[in-house]
C-alpha atoms as a PDB file:
ATOM      1  CA  MET A   1      34.914  40.587  -4.875  1.00  0.00           C
ATOM      2  CA  LYS A   2      32.891  38.715  -7.345  1.00  0.00           C
ATOM      3  CA  ARG A   3      29.483  39.873  -8.195  1.00  0.00           C
ATOM      4  CA  PRO A   4      27.070  38.846 -10.996  1.00  0.00           C
ATOM      5  CA  ALA A   5      26.920  41.209 -13.944  1.00  0.00           C
ATOM      6  CA  GLY A   6      23.299  41.722 -13.452  1.00  0.00           C
ATOM      7  CA  LEU A   7      23.678  42.698 -10.066  1.00  0.00           C
ATOM      8  CA  ILE A   8      26.198  45.297 -10.930  1.00  0.00           C
ATOM      9  CA  LEU A   9      24.023  46.532 -13.687  1.00  0.00           C
ATOM     10  CA  PHE A  10      20.958  46.968 -11.779  1.00  0.00           C
ATOM     11  CA  THR A  11      22.532  48.499  -8.749  1.00  0.00           C
ATOM     12  CA  SER A  12      24.283  51.036 -11.095  1.00  0.00           C
ATOM     13  CA  LEU A  13      20.990  51.836 -12.614  1.00  0.00           C
ATOM     14  CA  LEU A  14      19.443  52.339  -9.305  1.00  0.00           C
ATOM     15  CA  LEU A  15      22.086  54.487  -8.094  1.00  0.00           C
ATOM     16  CA  LEU A  16      21.840  56.685 -11.294  1.00  0.00           C
ATOM     17  CA  LEU A  17      18.276  56.936 -10.800  1.00  0.00           C
ATOM     18  CA  GLY A  18      18.342  57.823  -7.266  1.00  0.00           C
ATOM     19  CA  MET A  19      21.027  60.796  -8.107  1.00  0.00           C
ATOM     20  CA  LYS A  20      18.902  61.880 -11.052  1.00  0.00           C
ATOM     21  CA  LEU A  21      15.761  62.137  -8.745  1.00  0.00           C
ATOM     22  CA  LEU A  22      17.634  63.899  -5.944  1.00  0.00           C
ATOM     23  CA  LEU A  23      19.707  66.333  -8.083  1.00  0.00           C
ATOM     24  CA  GLY A  24      17.597  66.626 -11.349  1.00  0.00           C
ATOM     25  CA  HIS A  25      15.101  69.182 -12.454  1.00  0.00           C
ATOM     26  CA  SER A  26      11.818  68.424 -14.158  1.00  0.00           C
ATOM     27  CA  ALA A  27       9.235  70.655 -15.835  1.00  0.00           C
ATOM     28  CA  SER A  28       6.756  70.052 -13.041  1.00  0.00           C
ATOM     29  CA  GLY A  29       9.479  70.510 -10.294  1.00  0.00           C
ATOM     30  CA  GLY A  30       7.642  73.365  -8.802  1.00  0.00           C
ATOM     31  CA  LEU A  31       4.724  71.352  -7.408  1.00  0.00           C
ATOM     32  CA  THR A  32       5.497  70.531  -3.787  1.00  0.00           C
ATOM     33  CA  GLY A  33       3.692  66.909  -4.125  1.00  0.00           C
ATOM     34  CA  VAL A  34       6.153  66.077  -6.960  1.00  0.00           C
ATOM     35  CA  ARG A  35       9.250  67.377  -5.089  1.00  0.00           C
ATOM     36  CA  ALA A  36       8.349  65.393  -2.166  1.00  0.00           C
ATOM     37  CA  LEU A  37       7.632  62.234  -4.202  1.00  0.00           C
ATOM     38  CA  ARG A  38      10.860  62.626  -6.026  1.00  0.00           C
ATOM     39  CA  LEU A  39      12.721  62.888  -2.755  1.00  0.00           C
ATOM     40  CA  VAL A  40      11.184  59.865  -1.269  1.00  0.00           C
ATOM     41  CA  LEU A  41      11.754  57.813  -4.309  1.00  0.00           C
ATOM     42  CA  GLY A  42      15.326  59.091  -4.622  1.00  0.00           C
ATOM     43  CA  VAL A  43      16.132  58.021  -1.109  1.00  0.00           C
ATOM     44  CA  ILE A  44      14.504  54.803  -1.398  1.00  0.00           C
ATOM     45  CA  SER A  45      16.546  54.208  -4.617  1.00  0.00           C
ATOM     46  CA  LEU A  46      19.814  54.794  -2.967  1.00  0.00           C
ATOM     47  CA  SER A  47      18.854  52.739   0.057  1.00  0.00           C
ATOM     48  CA  ALA A  48      18.103  49.866  -2.262  1.00  0.00           C
ATOM     49  CA  THR A  49      21.314  50.442  -4.029  1.00  0.00           C
ATOM     50  CA  TYR A  50      23.340  50.214  -0.832  1.00  0.00           C
ATOM     51  CA  ALA A  51      21.411  47.230   0.391  1.00  0.00           C
ATOM     52  CA  LEU A  52      21.794  45.199  -2.767  1.00  0.00           C
ATOM     53  CA  TRP A  53      25.591  46.175  -3.334  1.00  0.00           C
ATOM     54  CA  THR A  54      26.582  45.416   0.158  1.00  0.00           C
ATOM     55  CA  ARG A  55      24.486  42.280   0.141  1.00  0.00           C
ATOM     56  CA  ARG A  56      22.867  43.121   3.468  1.00  0.00           C
ATOM     57  CA  SER A  57      20.417  40.844   5.095  1.00  0.00           C
ATOM     58  CA  ASN A  58      17.547  43.219   4.244  1.00  0.00           C
ATOM     59  CA  ALA A  59      18.403  43.604   0.648  1.00  0.00           C
ATOM     60  CA  MET A  60      15.691  41.962  -0.893  1.00  0.00           C
ATOM     61  CA  ARG A  61      13.089  43.560   1.518  1.00  0.00           C
ATOM     62  CA  THR A  62      14.470  46.891   0.657  1.00  0.00           C
ATOM     63  CA  TYR A  63      14.228  45.959  -3.038  1.00  0.00           C
ATOM     64  CA  TRP A  64      10.512  45.086  -2.826  1.00  0.00           C
ATOM     65  CA  ILE A  65       9.869  48.400  -0.809  1.00  0.00           C
ATOM     66  CA  TRP A  66      11.505  50.092  -3.805  1.00  0.00           C
ATOM     67  CA  VAL A  67       9.096  48.254  -6.202  1.00  0.00           C
ATOM     68  CA  LEU A  68       6.055  49.042  -4.132  1.00  0.00           C
ATOM     69  CA  ALA A  69       7.250  52.630  -3.923  1.00  0.00           C
ATOM     70  CA  TRP A  70       7.632  52.952  -7.567  1.00  0.00           C
ATOM     71  CA  LEU A  71       4.392  51.351  -8.650  1.00  0.00           C
ATOM     72  CA  VAL A  72       2.403  53.405  -6.124  1.00  0.00           C
ATOM     73  CA  GLY A  73       4.368  56.687  -6.338  1.00  0.00           C
ATOM     74  CA  GLY A  74       4.398  56.326 -10.064  1.00  0.00           C
ATOM     75  CA  GLY A  75       0.506  55.807 -10.362  1.00  0.00           C
ATOM     76  CA  VAL A  76      -0.158  58.727  -7.955  1.00  0.00           C
ATOM     77  CA  ALA A  77       2.031  60.895  -9.918  1.00  0.00           C
ATOM     78  CA  GLN A  78       0.442  59.849 -13.125  1.00  0.00           C
ATOM     79  CA  TYR A  79      -3.103  60.202 -11.846  1.00  0.00           C
ATOM     80  CA  PHE A  80      -2.952  63.420  -9.988  1.00  0.00           C
ATOM     81  CA  TYR A  81      -0.207  65.271 -11.895  1.00  0.00           C
ATOM     82  CA  GLN A  82      -0.427  64.180 -15.305  1.00  0.00           C
ATOM     83  CA  ASP A  83      -4.233  63.222 -15.489  1.00  0.00           C
ATOM     84  CA  VAL A  84      -3.522  59.705 -16.989  1.00  0.00           C
ATOM     85  CA  PRO A  85      -6.758  57.523 -16.956  1.00  0.00           C
ATOM     86  CA  ALA A  86      -6.747  54.773 -14.213  1.00  0.00           C
ATOM     87  CA  LEU A  87      -7.031  52.123 -16.934  1.00  0.00           C
ATOM     88  CA  HIS A  88      -3.606  53.162 -18.268  1.00  0.00           C
ATOM     89  CA  ILE A  89      -2.133  53.296 -14.864  1.00  0.00           C
ATOM     90  CA  GLY A  90      -3.430  49.776 -14.228  1.00  0.00           C
ATOM     91  CA  ILE A  91      -1.829  48.580 -17.560  1.00  0.00           C
ATOM     92  CA  TRP A  92       1.586  50.236 -16.419  1.00  0.00           C
ATOM     93  CA  TRP A  93       1.294  48.472 -13.070  1.00  0.00           C
ATOM     94  CA  VAL A  94       0.855  45.011 -14.599  1.00  0.00           C
ATOM     95  CA  SER A  95       3.710  45.618 -17.213  1.00  0.00           C
ATOM     96  CA  ALA A  96       6.170  47.348 -14.807  1.00  0.00           C
ATOM     97  CA  GLY A  97       5.200  45.091 -11.838  1.00  0.00           C
ATOM     98  CA  SER A  98       5.733  41.976 -13.872  1.00  0.00           C
ATOM     99  CA  VAL A  99       9.307  43.197 -15.137  1.00  0.00           C
ATOM    100  CA  LEU A 100      10.293  44.262 -11.645  1.00  0.00           C
ATOM    101  CA  CYS A 101       9.191  40.962 -10.042  1.00  0.00           C
ATOM    102  CA  PHE A 102      11.240  39.026 -12.751  1.00  0.00           C
ATOM    103  CA  VAL A 103      14.235  41.258 -11.862  1.00  0.00           C
ATOM    104  CA  GLY A 104      13.579  40.663  -8.290  1.00  0.00           C
ATOM    105  CA  LEU A 105      13.848  36.852  -8.626  1.00  0.00           C
ATOM    106  CA  TYR A 106      17.047  37.311 -10.506  1.00  0.00           C
ATOM    107  CA  LEU A 107      18.516  39.366  -7.844  1.00  0.00           C
ATOM    108  CA  LYS A 108      17.490  37.047  -5.102  1.00  0.00           C
ATOM    109  CA  GLY A 109      19.169  34.255  -6.984  1.00  0.00           C
ATOM    110  CA  ALA A 110      22.306  36.370  -7.592  1.00  0.00           C
ATOM    111  CA  LEU A 111      22.556  37.344  -3.785  1.00  0.00           C
ATOM    112  CA  LYS A 112      22.294  33.695  -2.747  1.00  0.00           C
ATOM    113  CA  ARG A 113      25.006  32.627  -5.040  1.00  0.00           C
ATOM    114  CA  THR A 114      27.308  35.376  -3.807  1.00  0.00           C
ATOM    115  CA  THR A 115      26.856  34.868  -0.164  1.00  0.00           C
END
């Protein structure tokens, strides 16, 4: 079983993130919207981890759903629960989105090399 180091690292980070979201507690954990958002993002993170690790045919589709969920979910959480200005959320979307797009391109190539 040979997998590129980047694929192992990223799936490990996704797994840790998903478990933290599902099991961790936050200061705003009492809000129903935050709890629901954490549950959805945690499940999507674990689903993306499984799809990437097992190199399923829908692995990249699951990854892009994860990226979209994090950008939208993070923006919603920042705007409604943390009162972050829309301009700052836009800047966050551009910076985080560009990094996640480059990671996605790497993962796509890594999955092609290992199949």
